[in-house]
Amino acid sequence: MGNLKNTGDKTILRIVGEEKPLEGAVSVAPTLEDLYLYYFQEEER
């Protein structure tokens, strides 16, 4: 599950999950939006 944002000349893809999706992925602190996406995605399963 992820969230895609365009900020001017950059595109930011945030992926919420238990494992790194790619070797070059960087871990960041979760936001409230990440928590919301994670929680409601889990309920859909």
PDB file of N, CA and C in Angstrom:
ATOM      1  N   MET A   1       0.850  -1.152   0.000  1.00  0.00           N
ATOM      2  CA  MET A   1       0.000   0.000   0.000  1.00  0.00           C
ATOM      3  C   MET A   1       0.897   1.216   0.000  1.00  0.00           C
ATOM      4  N   GLY A   2       0.490   2.260  -0.677  1.00  0.00           N
ATOM      5  CA  GLY A   2       1.342   3.429  -0.772  1.00  0.00           C
ATOM      6  C   GLY A   2       0.559   4.704  -0.994  1.00  0.00           C
ATOM      7  N   ASN A   3       1.303   5.777  -1.015  1.00  0.00           N
ATOM      8  CA  ASN A   3       0.746   7.102  -1.194  1.00  0.00           C
ATOM      9  C   ASN A   3       1.694   7.864  -2.118  1.00  0.00           C
ATOM     10  N   LEU A   4       1.158   8.455  -3.165  1.00  0.00           N
ATOM     11  CA  LEU A   4       1.953   9.173  -4.154  1.00  0.00           C
ATOM     12  C   LEU A   4       1.625  10.655  -4.074  1.00  0.00           C
ATOM     13  N   LYS A   5       2.661  11.508  -3.956  1.00  0.00           N
ATOM     14  CA  LYS A   5       2.466  12.954  -3.891  1.00  0.00           C
ATOM     15  C   LYS A   5       3.412  13.641  -4.870  1.00  0.00           C
ATOM     16  N   ASN A   6       2.887  14.610  -5.585  1.00  0.00           N
ATOM     17  CA  ASN A   6       3.705  15.455  -6.452  1.00  0.00           C
ATOM     18  C   ASN A   6       3.931  16.770  -5.733  1.00  0.00           C
ATOM     19  N   THR A   7       5.197  17.127  -5.537  1.00  0.00           N
ATOM     20  CA  THR A   7       5.541  18.372  -4.861  1.00  0.00           C
ATOM     21  C   THR A   7       6.452  19.180  -5.782  1.00  0.00           C
ATOM     22  N   GLY A   8       5.851  19.975  -6.642  1.00  0.00           N
ATOM     23  CA  GLY A   8       6.646  20.760  -7.577  1.00  0.00           C
ATOM     24  C   GLY A   8       7.325  19.870  -8.592  1.00  0.00           C
ATOM     25  N   ASP A   9       8.658  19.817  -8.553  1.00  0.00           N
ATOM     26  CA  ASP A   9       9.405  19.019  -9.527  1.00  0.00           C
ATOM     27  C   ASP A   9       9.757  17.623  -9.014  1.00  0.00           C
ATOM     28  N   LYS A  10       9.244  17.242  -7.830  1.00  0.00           N
ATOM     29  CA  LYS A  10       9.548  15.928  -7.260  1.00  0.00           C
ATOM     30  C   LYS A  10       8.269  15.117  -7.070  1.00  0.00           C
ATOM     31  N   THR A  11       8.425  13.818  -7.150  1.00  0.00           N
ATOM     32  CA  THR A  11       7.344  12.890  -6.823  1.00  0.00           C
ATOM     33  C   THR A  11       7.816  12.039  -5.659  1.00  0.00           C
ATOM     34  N   ILE A  12       6.989  11.984  -4.618  1.00  0.00           N
ATOM     35  CA  ILE A  12       7.333  11.223  -3.424  1.00  0.00           C
ATOM     36  C   ILE A  12       6.377  10.038  -3.315  1.00  0.00           C
ATOM     37  N   LEU A  13       6.946   8.847  -3.212  1.00  0.00           N
ATOM     38  CA  LEU A  13       6.159   7.637  -3.036  1.00  0.00           C
ATOM     39  C   LEU A  13       6.451   7.087  -1.649  1.00  0.00           C
ATOM     40  N   ARG A  14       5.417   7.041  -0.840  1.00  0.00           N
ATOM     41  CA  ARG A  14       5.547   6.472   0.504  1.00  0.00           C
ATOM     42  C   ARG A  14       4.866   5.118   0.490  1.00  0.00           C
ATOM     43  N   ILE A  15       5.601   4.094   0.866  1.00  0.00           N
ATOM     44  CA  ILE A  15       5.068   2.740   0.903  1.00  0.00           C
ATOM     45  C   ILE A  15       5.048   2.286   2.354  1.00  0.00           C
ATOM     46  N   VAL A  16       3.878   1.848   2.803  1.00  0.00           N
ATOM     47  CA  VAL A  16       3.720   1.391   4.174  1.00  0.00           C
ATOM     48  C   VAL A  16       3.702  -0.128   4.168  1.00  0.00           C
ATOM     49  N   GLY A  17       4.608  -0.729   4.928  1.00  0.00           N
ATOM     50  CA  GLY A  17       4.654  -2.180   4.978  1.00  0.00           C
ATOM     51  C   GLY A  17       5.646  -2.676   6.004  1.00  0.00           C
ATOM     52  N   GLU A  18       5.683  -3.967   6.145  1.00  0.00           N
ATOM     53  CA  GLU A  18       6.561  -4.607   7.124  1.00  0.00           C
ATOM     54  C   GLU A  18       7.998  -4.739   6.613  1.00  0.00           C
ATOM     55  N   GLU A  19       8.181  -4.793   5.294  1.00  0.00           N
ATOM     56  CA  GLU A  19       9.501  -5.014   4.698  1.00  0.00           C
ATOM     57  C   GLU A  19       9.844  -3.904   3.715  1.00  0.00           C
ATOM     58  N   LYS A  20      11.145  -3.725   3.460  1.00  0.00           N
ATOM     59  CA  LYS A  20      11.568  -2.767   2.439  1.00  0.00           C
ATOM     60  C   LYS A  20      11.153  -3.281   1.067  1.00  0.00           C
ATOM     61  N   PRO A  21      10.485  -2.439   0.262  1.00  0.00           N
ATOM     62  CA  PRO A  21      10.041  -2.888  -1.056  1.00  0.00           C
ATOM     63  C   PRO A  21      11.183  -2.991  -2.066  1.00  0.00           C
ATOM     64  N   LEU A  22      12.215  -2.171  -1.888  1.00  0.00           N
ATOM     65  CA  LEU A  22      13.381  -2.158  -2.775  1.00  0.00           C
ATOM     66  C   LEU A  22      14.631  -1.972  -1.930  1.00  0.00           C
ATOM     67  N   GLU A  23      15.756  -2.397  -2.453  1.00  0.00           N
ATOM     68  CA  GLU A  23      17.000  -2.273  -1.688  1.00  0.00           C
ATOM     69  C   GLU A  23      17.341  -0.817  -1.381  1.00  0.00           C
ATOM     70  N   GLY A  24      17.062   0.108  -2.287  1.00  0.00           N
ATOM     71  CA  GLY A  24      17.407   1.509  -2.078  1.00  0.00           C
ATOM     72  C   GLY A  24      16.382   2.304  -1.292  1.00  0.00           C
ATOM     73  N   ALA A  25      15.324   1.651  -0.799  1.00  0.00           N
ATOM     74  CA  ALA A  25      14.273   2.354  -0.052  1.00  0.00           C
ATOM     75  C   ALA A  25      14.823   2.901   1.259  1.00  0.00           C
ATOM     76  N   VAL A  26      14.300   4.046   1.665  1.00  0.00           N
ATOM     77  CA  VAL A  26      14.743   4.704   2.886  1.00  0.00           C
ATOM     78  C   VAL A  26      13.599   4.689   3.899  1.00  0.00           C
ATOM     79  N   SER A  27      13.872   4.240   5.108  1.00  0.00           N
ATOM     80  CA  SER A  27      12.860   4.246   6.165  1.00  0.00           C
ATOM     81  C   SER A  27      12.704   5.651   6.714  1.00  0.00           C
ATOM     82  N   VAL A  28      11.461   6.062   6.921  1.00  0.00           N
ATOM     83  CA  VAL A  28      11.161   7.362   7.512  1.00  0.00           C
ATOM     84  C   VAL A  28      10.120   7.175   8.604  1.00  0.00           C
ATOM     85  N   ALA A  29       9.999   8.165   9.466  1.00  0.00           N
ATOM     86  CA  ALA A  29       8.994   8.114  10.527  1.00  0.00           C
ATOM     87  C   ALA A  29       7.599   8.153   9.905  1.00  0.00           C
ATOM     88  N   PRO A  30       6.685   7.332  10.396  1.00  0.00           N
ATOM     89  CA  PRO A  30       5.334   7.321   9.845  1.00  0.00           C
ATOM     90  C   PRO A  30       4.565   8.578  10.220  1.00  0.00           C
ATOM     91  N   THR A  31       3.622   8.940   9.373  1.00  0.00           N
ATOM     92  CA  THR A  31       2.735  10.072   9.634  1.00  0.00           C
ATOM     93  C   THR A  31       1.367   9.530  10.036  1.00  0.00           C
ATOM     94  N   LEU A  32       0.479  10.413  10.457  1.00  0.00           N
ATOM     95  CA  LEU A  32      -0.877   9.987  10.760  1.00  0.00           C
ATOM     96  C   LEU A  32      -1.574   9.452   9.512  1.00  0.00           C
ATOM     97  N   GLU A  33      -1.259  10.025   8.355  1.00  0.00           N
ATOM     98  CA  GLU A  33      -1.829   9.537   7.105  1.00  0.00           C
ATOM     99  C   GLU A  33      -1.360   8.105   6.819  1.00  0.00           C
ATOM    100  N   ASP A  34      -0.100   7.817   7.097  1.00  0.00           N
ATOM    101  CA  ASP A  34       0.426   6.457   6.919  1.00  0.00           C
ATOM    102  C   ASP A  34      -0.332   5.479   7.819  1.00  0.00           C
ATOM    103  N   LEU A  35      -0.549   5.866   9.053  1.00  0.00           N
ATOM    104  CA  LEU A  35      -1.273   5.023  10.001  1.00  0.00           C
ATOM    105  C   LEU A  35      -2.695   4.765   9.511  1.00  0.00           C
ATOM    106  N   TYR A  36      -3.356   5.790   9.036  1.00  0.00           N
ATOM    107  CA  TYR A  36      -4.714   5.663   8.507  1.00  0.00           C
ATOM    108  C   TYR A  36      -4.738   4.686   7.333  1.00  0.00           C
ATOM    109  N   LEU A  37      -3.834   4.872   6.371  1.00  0.00           N
ATOM    110  CA  LEU A  37      -3.785   3.985   5.209  1.00  0.00           C
ATOM    111  C   LEU A  37      -3.500   2.542   5.619  1.00  0.00           C
ATOM    112  N   TYR A  38      -2.581   2.366   6.547  1.00  0.00           N
ATOM    113  CA  TYR A  38      -2.225   1.024   7.000  1.00  0.00           C
ATOM    114  C   TYR A  38      -3.402   0.352   7.693  1.00  0.00           C
ATOM    115  N   TYR A  39      -4.053   1.078   8.586  1.00  0.00           N
ATOM    116  CA  TYR A  39      -5.155   0.518   9.359  1.00  0.00           C
ATOM    117  C   TYR A  39      -6.329   0.127   8.456  1.00  0.00           C
ATOM    118  N   PHE A  40      -6.751   1.013   7.584  1.00  0.00           N
ATOM    119  CA  PHE A  40      -7.917   0.723   6.768  1.00  0.00           C
ATOM    120  C   PHE A  40      -7.606  -0.257   5.631  1.00  0.00           C
ATOM    121  N   GLN A  41      -6.377  -0.325   5.185  1.00  0.00           N
ATOM    122  CA  GLN A  41      -6.004  -1.332   4.198  1.00  0.00           C
ATOM    123  C   GLN A  41      -6.082  -2.710   4.826  1.00  0.00           C
ATOM    124  N   GLU A  42      -5.685  -2.829   6.083  1.00  0.00           N
ATOM    125  CA  GLU A  42      -5.743  -4.111   6.794  1.00  0.00           C
ATOM    126  C   GLU A  42      -7.179  -4.577   6.956  1.00  0.00           C
ATOM    127  N   GLU A  43      -8.128  -3.659   7.198  1.00  0.00           N
ATOM    128  CA  GLU A  43      -9.526  -4.032   7.379  1.00  0.00           C
ATOM    129  C   GLU A  43     -10.142  -4.565   6.090  1.00  0.00           C
ATOM    130  N   GLU A  44      -9.637  -4.131   4.932  1.00  0.00           N
ATOM    131  CA  GLU A  44     -10.179  -4.567   3.647  1.00  0.00           C
ATOM    132  C   GLU A  44      -9.805  -6.004   3.311  1.00  0.00           C
ATOM    133  N   ARG A  45      -8.794  -6.530   3.925  1.00  0.00           N
ATOM    134  CA  ARG A  45      -8.332  -7.904   3.621  1.00  0.00           C
ATOM    135  C   ARG A  45      -9.247  -8.935   4.174  1.00  0.00           C
TER     136      ARG A  45
END
